[in-house]
Amino acid sequence: MTLRVVVADDQELVRSGFALILDVQPDIEVVAEAGDGAAAVEAVRRHAPDVALLDIRMPRMDGIAACRAISAAGGCRTVMLTTFDSDEYVYEALHAGASGFLLKDVRRDDLVHAVRVVARGEALLAPSVARRLVEQYTRPAALRRRPDPRLDVLTARERETLLLLARGLSNAEIAAELVISDHTVKTHVGNVLTKLGLRDRIQAVICAYETGLVTAGEPPAGGSAPARSLPLTGEALTGRDRPRG
């Protein structure tokens, strides 16, 4: 299967460089290039790619706005590109629906790896890293501890699962913590994402903090084990993890 990619960057040399690196791969085809966010959104609409690489700072429509529009339409996952190693940009990109975040000085192999990882439905940023960012940017809301009606759709066990996701635990670790099977964990995780309208585990971490289920600066309730750092790609919820029916 060939992965279809759109590359968007207002700097032509950067854009063509990334496109060249990706297009020579046997399993990747660059179907379009764009010089601004609005053109990127149109290219995604026209070519229906699997992945869009978006520069954060572009004219007419920046990468964050383009990412939000592409994510809302569904069907294409996004990787954000920037020269700025800033927590604020990472958080905004994740909140807009991005599945990955790379600096523009990324190595050739890492760029190719990023496209393949995100196309598989995985996240390019570990949930533990997302949790650190969310703690910083949602602290005032979390400290208010106001009940959030969004969580009312979850069962007690699904709330426990969301708490453990917010600690960065893998499916196997959640199964051990709750003394249930891996299959049951996948069902609970799938139910959490479906009921809350979330796309992946990173968004689940963000949701846990934004709703006040977990308070910034405090260990999440529901167990004594410390938060774990997951591998760079984390443990994604693929289609086979979603509940049937």
C-alpha atoms as a PDB file:
ATOM      1  CA  MET A   1       0.000   0.000   0.000  1.00  0.00           C
ATOM      2  CA  THR A   2       1.351   3.416  -0.978  1.00  0.00           C
ATOM      3  CA  LEU A   3       1.015   6.232   1.566  1.00  0.00           C
ATOM      4  CA  ARG A   4      -0.228   9.479   0.045  1.00  0.00           C
ATOM      5  CA  VAL A   5       1.239  12.680   1.505  1.00  0.00           C
ATOM      6  CA  VAL A   6       0.684  16.436   1.171  1.00  0.00           C
ATOM      7  CA  VAL A   7       3.598  18.721   2.146  1.00  0.00           C
ATOM      8  CA  ALA A   8       2.809  22.322   3.133  1.00  0.00           C
ATOM      9  CA  ASP A   9       5.465  24.960   3.886  1.00  0.00           C
ATOM     10  CA  ASP A  10       5.799  28.564   2.726  1.00  0.00           C
ATOM     11  CA  GLN A  11       9.547  28.107   2.149  1.00  0.00           C
ATOM     12  CA  GLU A  12       9.914  26.466  -1.250  1.00  0.00           C
ATOM     13  CA  LEU A  13      13.324  24.913  -0.588  1.00  0.00           C
ATOM     14  CA  VAL A  14      12.158  23.333   2.665  1.00  0.00           C
ATOM     15  CA  ARG A  15       8.923  22.112   1.080  1.00  0.00           C
ATOM     16  CA  SER A  16      10.617  20.597  -1.972  1.00  0.00           C
ATOM     17  CA  GLY A  17      13.343  19.077   0.177  1.00  0.00           C
ATOM     18  CA  PHE A  18      10.857  17.241   2.363  1.00  0.00           C
ATOM     19  CA  ALA A  19       8.840  16.216  -0.694  1.00  0.00           C
ATOM     20  CA  LEU A  20      11.944  14.803  -2.388  1.00  0.00           C
ATOM     21  CA  ILE A  21      12.964  12.809   0.693  1.00  0.00           C
ATOM     22  CA  LEU A  22       9.504  11.269   0.953  1.00  0.00           C
ATOM     23  CA  ASP A  23       8.783  10.742  -2.736  1.00  0.00           C
ATOM     24  CA  VAL A  24      11.829   8.512  -3.293  1.00  0.00           C
ATOM     25  CA  GLN A  25      10.534   6.031  -0.711  1.00  0.00           C
ATOM     26  CA  PRO A  26       8.961   2.957  -2.321  1.00  0.00           C
ATOM     27  CA  ASP A  27       5.874   3.121  -0.118  1.00  0.00           C
ATOM     28  CA  ILE A  28       5.283   6.911  -0.106  1.00  0.00           C
ATOM     29  CA  GLU A  29       3.924   9.246  -2.779  1.00  0.00           C
ATOM     30  CA  VAL A  30       3.791  13.035  -2.405  1.00  0.00           C
ATOM     31  CA  VAL A  31       0.529  13.894  -4.155  1.00  0.00           C
ATOM     32  CA  ALA A  32       0.671  17.689  -3.654  1.00  0.00           C
ATOM     33  CA  GLU A  33       2.697  20.583  -2.277  1.00  0.00           C
ATOM     34  CA  ALA A  34       1.241  23.771  -0.789  1.00  0.00           C
ATOM     35  CA  GLY A  35       2.723  27.149   0.150  1.00  0.00           C
ATOM     36  CA  ASP A  36       0.151  28.184   2.745  1.00  0.00           C
ATOM     37  CA  GLY A  37      -2.458  26.726   5.081  1.00  0.00           C
ATOM     38  CA  ALA A  38      -5.469  27.457   2.898  1.00  0.00           C
ATOM     39  CA  ALA A  39      -3.826  25.736  -0.079  1.00  0.00           C
ATOM     40  CA  ALA A  40      -2.951  22.790   2.183  1.00  0.00           C
ATOM     41  CA  VAL A  41      -6.588  22.349   3.251  1.00  0.00           C
ATOM     42  CA  GLU A  42      -7.684  22.485  -0.404  1.00  0.00           C
ATOM     43  CA  ALA A  43      -4.985  19.976  -1.414  1.00  0.00           C
ATOM     44  CA  VAL A  44      -6.128  17.564   1.276  1.00  0.00           C
ATOM     45  CA  ARG A  45      -9.738  17.954   0.144  1.00  0.00           C
ATOM     46  CA  ARG A  46      -8.799  17.337  -3.484  1.00  0.00           C
ATOM     47  CA  HIS A  47      -6.266  14.501  -3.127  1.00  0.00           C
ATOM     48  CA  ALA A  48      -7.482  12.695   0.042  1.00  0.00           C
ATOM     49  CA  PRO A  49      -3.970  11.898   1.368  1.00  0.00           C
ATOM     50  CA  ASP A  50      -3.178   9.708   4.360  1.00  0.00           C
ATOM     51  CA  VAL A  51      -0.856  12.263   5.985  1.00  0.00           C
ATOM     52  CA  ALA A  52      -0.331  16.029   5.720  1.00  0.00           C
ATOM     53  CA  LEU A  53       2.931  17.680   6.827  1.00  0.00           C
ATOM     54  CA  LEU A  54       2.103  21.236   7.911  1.00  0.00           C
ATOM     55  CA  ASP A  55       4.448  24.072   8.788  1.00  0.00           C
ATOM     56  CA  ILE A  56       3.082  25.910  11.826  1.00  0.00           C
ATOM     57  CA  ARG A  57       3.827  29.410  10.487  1.00  0.00           C
ATOM     58  CA  MET A  58       2.346  29.984   7.025  1.00  0.00           C
ATOM     59  CA  PRO A  59       0.542  32.918   5.340  1.00  0.00           C
ATOM     60  CA  ARG A  60      -3.232  33.192   4.754  1.00  0.00           C
ATOM     61  CA  MET A  61      -3.909  30.337   7.179  1.00  0.00           C
ATOM     62  CA  ASP A  62      -1.326  29.076   9.660  1.00  0.00           C
ATOM     63  CA  GLY A  63      -0.580  25.413  10.245  1.00  0.00           C
ATOM     64  CA  ILE A  64      -2.594  25.201  13.448  1.00  0.00           C
ATOM     65  CA  ALA A  65      -5.759  26.470  11.740  1.00  0.00           C
ATOM     66  CA  ALA A  66      -5.124  24.198   8.748  1.00  0.00           C
ATOM     67  CA  CYS A  67      -4.611  21.235  11.068  1.00  0.00           C
ATOM     68  CA  ARG A  68      -7.885  21.998  12.824  1.00  0.00           C
ATOM     69  CA  ALA A  69      -9.771  22.155   9.524  1.00  0.00           C
ATOM     70  CA  ILE A  70      -8.178  18.951   8.204  1.00  0.00           C
ATOM     71  CA  SER A  71      -8.816  17.067  11.455  1.00  0.00           C
ATOM     72  CA  ALA A  72     -12.446  18.187  11.503  1.00  0.00           C
ATOM     73  CA  ALA A  73     -12.961  16.792   8.000  1.00  0.00           C
ATOM     74  CA  GLY A  74     -11.441  13.450   9.014  1.00  0.00           C
ATOM     75  CA  GLY A  75      -9.589  10.889   6.923  1.00  0.00           C
ATOM     76  CA  CYS A  76      -6.159  12.546   6.997  1.00  0.00           C
ATOM     77  CA  ARG A  77      -3.688  12.641   9.868  1.00  0.00           C
ATOM     78  CA  THR A  78      -1.324  15.576  10.375  1.00  0.00           C
ATOM     79  CA  VAL A  79       2.300  16.073  11.398  1.00  0.00           C
ATOM     80  CA  MET A  80       3.328  19.594  12.379  1.00  0.00           C
ATOM     81  CA  LEU A  81       6.688  21.074  11.315  1.00  0.00           C
ATOM     82  CA  THR A  82       8.371  24.023  13.000  1.00  0.00           C
ATOM     83  CA  THR A  83      11.733  25.617  13.716  1.00  0.00           C
ATOM     84  CA  PHE A  84      10.526  26.542  17.210  1.00  0.00           C
ATOM     85  CA  ASP A  85      11.010  24.009  20.004  1.00  0.00           C
ATOM     86  CA  SER A  86       8.194  25.453  22.105  1.00  0.00           C
ATOM     87  CA  ASP A  87       5.852  23.654  24.485  1.00  0.00           C
ATOM     88  CA  GLU A  88       3.119  26.123  23.564  1.00  0.00           C
ATOM     89  CA  TYR A  89       3.291  25.189  19.896  1.00  0.00           C
ATOM     90  CA  VAL A  90       3.250  21.480  20.730  1.00  0.00           C
ATOM     91  CA  TYR A  91       0.175  21.882  22.917  1.00  0.00           C
ATOM     92  CA  GLU A  92      -1.691  23.985  20.345  1.00  0.00           C
ATOM     93  CA  ALA A  93      -0.873  21.484  17.613  1.00  0.00           C
ATOM     94  CA  LEU A  94      -2.072  18.526  19.677  1.00  0.00           C
ATOM     95  CA  HIS A  95      -5.213  20.375  20.677  1.00  0.00           C
ATOM     96  CA  ALA A  96      -5.917  21.096  16.992  1.00  0.00           C
ATOM     97  CA  GLY A  97      -5.801  17.361  16.296  1.00  0.00           C
ATOM     98  CA  ALA A  98      -2.193  16.799  15.199  1.00  0.00           C
ATOM     99  CA  SER A  99      -0.830  13.281  15.485  1.00  0.00           C
ATOM    100  CA  GLY A 100       2.828  14.295  15.437  1.00  0.00           C
ATOM    101  CA  PHE A 101       5.243  17.153  15.945  1.00  0.00           C
ATOM    102  CA  LEU A 102       8.686  17.518  14.309  1.00  0.00           C
ATOM    103  CA  LEU A 103      11.350  20.205  14.155  1.00  0.00           C
ATOM    104  CA  LYS A 104      12.447  21.204  10.652  1.00  0.00           C
ATOM    105  CA  ASP A 105      15.995  20.017  11.307  1.00  0.00           C
ATOM    106  CA  VAL A 106      14.657  16.477  11.669  1.00  0.00           C
ATOM    107  CA  ARG A 107      16.895  13.758  10.254  1.00  0.00           C
ATOM    108  CA  ARG A 108      15.888  12.204   6.930  1.00  0.00           C
ATOM    109  CA  ASP A 109      15.165   8.780   8.446  1.00  0.00           C
ATOM    110  CA  ASP A 110      13.118  10.285  11.269  1.00  0.00           C
ATOM    111  CA  LEU A 111      10.961  12.220   8.801  1.00  0.00           C
ATOM    112  CA  VAL A 112      10.182   9.074   6.839  1.00  0.00           C
ATOM    113  CA  HIS A 113       9.566   7.141  10.050  1.00  0.00           C
ATOM    114  CA  ALA A 114       7.178   9.858  11.262  1.00  0.00           C
ATOM    115  CA  VAL A 115       5.010   9.619   8.156  1.00  0.00           C
ATOM    116  CA  ARG A 116       4.797   5.835   8.398  1.00  0.00           C
ATOM    117  CA  VAL A 117       4.022   5.877  12.121  1.00  0.00           C
ATOM    118  CA  VAL A 118       1.262   8.465  11.842  1.00  0.00           C
ATOM    119  CA  ALA A 119      -0.232   6.755   8.780  1.00  0.00           C
ATOM    120  CA  ARG A 120      -0.581   3.573  10.862  1.00  0.00           C
ATOM    121  CA  GLY A 121      -2.819   5.499  13.240  1.00  0.00           C
ATOM    122  CA  GLU A 122      -0.189   5.947  15.947  1.00  0.00           C
ATOM    123  CA  ALA A 123       0.865   9.132  17.716  1.00  0.00           C
ATOM    124  CA  LEU A 124       4.358  10.547  17.293  1.00  0.00           C
ATOM    125  CA  LEU A 125       4.432  12.060  20.769  1.00  0.00           C
ATOM    126  CA  ALA A 126       4.319   9.929  23.907  1.00  0.00           C
ATOM    127  CA  PRO A 127       1.227  10.481  26.090  1.00  0.00           C
ATOM    128  CA  SER A 128       3.566  11.143  29.022  1.00  0.00           C
ATOM    129  CA  VAL A 129       4.984  14.151  27.145  1.00  0.00           C
ATOM    130  CA  ALA A 130       1.490  15.351  26.285  1.00  0.00           C
ATOM    131  CA  ARG A 131       0.601  15.075  29.963  1.00  0.00           C
ATOM    132  CA  ARG A 132       3.494  17.373  30.931  1.00  0.00           C
ATOM    133  CA  LEU A 133       2.308  19.977  28.433  1.00  0.00           C
ATOM    134  CA  VAL A 134      -1.311  19.733  29.523  1.00  0.00           C
ATOM    135  CA  GLU A 135      -0.320  20.175  33.174  1.00  0.00           C
ATOM    136  CA  GLN A 136       1.258  23.502  32.278  1.00  0.00           C
ATOM    137  CA  TYR A 137      -1.512  24.868  30.084  1.00  0.00           C
ATOM    138  CA  THR A 138      -4.622  23.606  31.896  1.00  0.00           C
ATOM    139  CA  ARG A 139      -3.545  24.245  35.488  1.00  0.00           C
ATOM    140  CA  PRO A 140      -6.036  27.097  36.200  1.00  0.00           C
ATOM    141  CA  ALA A 141      -8.995  25.100  34.863  1.00  0.00           C
ATOM    142  CA  ALA A 142      -7.946  21.956  36.677  1.00  0.00           C
ATOM    143  CA  LEU A 143      -7.573  23.680  40.021  1.00  0.00           C
ATOM    144  CA  ARG A 144     -11.163  24.914  39.867  1.00  0.00           C
ATOM    145  CA  ARG A 145     -12.302  21.282  40.136  1.00  0.00           C
ATOM    146  CA  ARG A 146     -15.678  22.001  38.588  1.00  0.00           C
ATOM    147  CA  PRO A 147     -17.560  18.875  37.456  1.00  0.00           C
ATOM    148  CA  ASP A 148     -17.516  18.413  33.712  1.00  0.00           C
ATOM    149  CA  PRO A 149     -20.682  16.920  32.192  1.00  0.00           C
ATOM    150  CA  ARG A 150     -18.672  15.413  29.334  1.00  0.00           C
ATOM    151  CA  LEU A 151     -17.570  12.611  31.647  1.00  0.00           C
ATOM    152  CA  ASP A 152     -21.126  11.639  32.580  1.00  0.00           C
ATOM    153  CA  VAL A 153     -21.295   9.319  29.569  1.00  0.00           C
ATOM    154  CA  LEU A 154     -18.540   7.108  31.012  1.00  0.00           C
ATOM    155  CA  THR A 155     -19.112   4.144  33.301  1.00  0.00           C
ATOM    156  CA  ALA A 156     -17.104   3.886  36.517  1.00  0.00           C
ATOM    157  CA  ARG A 157     -14.714   1.406  34.914  1.00  0.00           C
ATOM    158  CA  GLU A 158     -14.256   3.634  31.858  1.00  0.00           C
ATOM    159  CA  ARG A 159     -13.355   6.546  34.145  1.00  0.00           C
ATOM    160  CA  GLU A 160     -10.753   4.360  35.816  1.00  0.00           C
ATOM    161  CA  THR A 161      -9.389   3.517  32.385  1.00  0.00           C
ATOM    162  CA  LEU A 162      -9.181   7.201  31.453  1.00  0.00           C
ATOM    163  CA  LEU A 163      -7.298   7.922  34.677  1.00  0.00           C
ATOM    164  CA  LEU A 164      -4.759   5.233  33.872  1.00  0.00           C
ATOM    165  CA  LEU A 165      -4.406   6.508  30.320  1.00  0.00           C
ATOM    166  CA  ALA A 166      -3.613   9.923  31.815  1.00  0.00           C
ATOM    167  CA  ARG A 167      -0.769   8.285  33.746  1.00  0.00           C
ATOM    168  CA  GLY A 168       0.695   7.004  30.462  1.00  0.00           C
ATOM    169  CA  LEU A 169       0.069   3.327  31.156  1.00  0.00           C
ATOM    170  CA  SER A 170       0.024   0.840  28.280  1.00  0.00           C
ATOM    171  CA  ASN A 171      -2.861  -1.569  27.715  1.00  0.00           C
ATOM    172  CA  ALA A 172      -0.923  -4.367  29.429  1.00  0.00           C
ATOM    173  CA  GLU A 173      -0.235  -2.166  32.465  1.00  0.00           C
ATOM    174  CA  ILE A 174      -3.875  -1.080  32.667  1.00  0.00           C
ATOM    175  CA  ALA A 175      -4.921  -4.746  32.549  1.00  0.00           C
ATOM    176  CA  ALA A 176      -2.593  -5.546  35.449  1.00  0.00           C
ATOM    177  CA  GLU A 177      -3.762  -2.518  37.450  1.00  0.00           C
ATOM    178  CA  LEU A 178      -7.476  -3.324  37.025  1.00  0.00           C
ATOM    179  CA  VAL A 179      -7.002  -7.119  37.017  1.00  0.00           C
ATOM    180  CA  ILE A 180      -8.789  -7.581  33.702  1.00  0.00           C
ATOM    181  CA  SER A 181      -7.835  -9.033  30.315  1.00  0.00           C
ATOM    182  CA  ASP A 182      -6.063  -7.120  27.548  1.00  0.00           C
ATOM    183  CA  HIS A 183      -9.153  -7.570  25.365  1.00  0.00           C
ATOM    184  CA  THR A 184     -11.340  -5.936  28.030  1.00  0.00           C
ATOM    185  CA  VAL A 185      -8.887  -3.031  28.286  1.00  0.00           C
ATOM    186  CA  LYS A 186      -9.087  -2.481  24.531  1.00  0.00           C
ATOM    187  CA  THR A 187     -12.873  -2.445  24.814  1.00  0.00           C
ATOM    188  CA  HIS A 188     -12.775   0.122  27.644  1.00  0.00           C
ATOM    189  CA  VAL A 189     -10.244   2.319  25.813  1.00  0.00           C
ATOM    190  CA  GLY A 190     -12.312   2.133  22.639  1.00  0.00           C
ATOM    191  CA  ASN A 191     -15.454   3.084  24.561  1.00  0.00           C
ATOM    192  CA  VAL A 192     -13.700   6.056  26.191  1.00  0.00           C
ATOM    193  CA  LEU A 193     -12.499   7.406  22.845  1.00  0.00           C
ATOM    194  CA  THR A 194     -15.830   6.824  21.125  1.00  0.00           C
ATOM    195  CA  LYS A 195     -18.022   8.283  23.875  1.00  0.00           C
ATOM    196  CA  LEU A 196     -15.848  11.376  24.331  1.00  0.00           C
ATOM    197  CA  GLY A 197     -15.283  11.888  20.604  1.00  0.00           C
ATOM    198  CA  LEU A 198     -11.509  11.513  20.927  1.00  0.00           C
ATOM    199  CA  ARG A 199      -9.210  10.273  18.163  1.00  0.00           C
ATOM    200  CA  ASP A 200      -6.294   8.805  20.101  1.00  0.00           C
ATOM    201  CA  ARG A 201      -4.667   8.295  23.498  1.00  0.00           C
ATOM    202  CA  ILE A 202      -2.971  11.696  23.447  1.00  0.00           C
ATOM    203  CA  GLN A 203      -6.348  13.411  23.195  1.00  0.00           C
ATOM    204  CA  ALA A 204      -7.531  11.207  26.064  1.00  0.00           C
ATOM    205  CA  VAL A 205      -4.701  12.536  28.248  1.00  0.00           C
ATOM    206  CA  ILE A 206      -5.608  16.117  27.347  1.00  0.00           C
ATOM    207  CA  CYS A 207      -9.281  15.437  28.074  1.00  0.00           C
ATOM    208  CA  ALA A 208      -8.484  13.962  31.499  1.00  0.00           C
ATOM    209  CA  TYR A 209      -6.778  17.193  32.540  1.00  0.00           C
ATOM    210  CA  GLU A 210      -9.135  19.636  30.853  1.00  0.00           C
ATOM    211  CA  THR A 211     -12.180  18.059  32.469  1.00  0.00           C
ATOM    212  CA  GLY A 212     -10.549  18.138  35.904  1.00  0.00           C
ATOM    213  CA  LEU A 213     -10.587  14.339  36.242  1.00  0.00           C
ATOM    214  CA  VAL A 214      -6.860  14.694  36.891  1.00  0.00           C
ATOM    215  CA  THR A 215      -5.446  17.756  38.636  1.00  0.00           C
ATOM    216  CA  ALA A 216      -2.200  19.259  37.371  1.00  0.00           C
ATOM    217  CA  GLY A 217       0.716  18.728  39.706  1.00  0.00           C
ATOM    218  CA  GLU A 218      -0.913  15.822  41.517  1.00  0.00           C
ATOM    219  CA  PRO A 219      -0.689  12.087  40.776  1.00  0.00           C
ATOM    220  CA  PRO A 220      -3.912  10.819  39.213  1.00  0.00           C
ATOM    221  CA  ALA A 221      -6.201   8.863  41.484  1.00  0.00           C
ATOM    222  CA  GLY A 222      -7.048   5.237  40.899  1.00  0.00           C
ATOM    223  CA  GLY A 223      -3.816   3.475  41.770  1.00  0.00           C
ATOM    224  CA  SER A 224      -0.412   3.907  43.355  1.00  0.00           C
ATOM    225  CA  ALA A 225       1.874   3.217  40.417  1.00  0.00           C
ATOM    226  CA  PRO A 226       3.784   6.263  39.105  1.00  0.00           C
ATOM    227  CA  ALA A 227       3.244   7.687  35.663  1.00  0.00           C
ATOM    228  CA  ARG A 228       5.222   5.864  33.003  1.00  0.00           C
ATOM    229  CA  SER A 229       7.089   7.243  30.025  1.00  0.00           C
ATOM    230  CA  LEU A 230       5.984   5.480  26.858  1.00  0.00           C
ATOM    231  CA  PRO A 231       8.126   4.998  23.751  1.00  0.00           C
ATOM    232  CA  LEU A 232       8.204   7.874  21.258  1.00  0.00           C
ATOM    233  CA  THR A 233       5.308   6.483  19.269  1.00  0.00           C
ATOM    234  CA  GLY A 234       3.331   5.510  22.354  1.00  0.00           C
ATOM    235  CA  GLU A 235       0.785   2.709  22.151  1.00  0.00           C
ATOM    236  CA  ALA A 236      -1.831   3.695  19.630  1.00  0.00           C
ATOM    237  CA  LEU A 237      -5.399   2.551  19.505  1.00  0.00           C
ATOM    238  CA  THR A 238      -5.753   1.053  16.050  1.00  0.00           C
ATOM    239  CA  GLY A 239      -8.933  -0.088  14.371  1.00  0.00           C
ATOM    240  CA  ARG A 240      -8.632  -3.578  15.841  1.00  0.00           C
ATOM    241  CA  ASP A 241      -8.753  -2.072  19.367  1.00  0.00           C
ATOM    242  CA  ARG A 242     -12.134  -0.476  18.848  1.00  0.00           C
ATOM    243  CA  PRO A 243     -15.218  -2.223  20.216  1.00  0.00           C
ATOM    244  CA  ARG A 244     -17.187  -4.251  17.690  1.00  0.00           C
ATOM    245  CA  GLY A 245     -20.782  -3.593  16.792  1.00  0.00           C
END
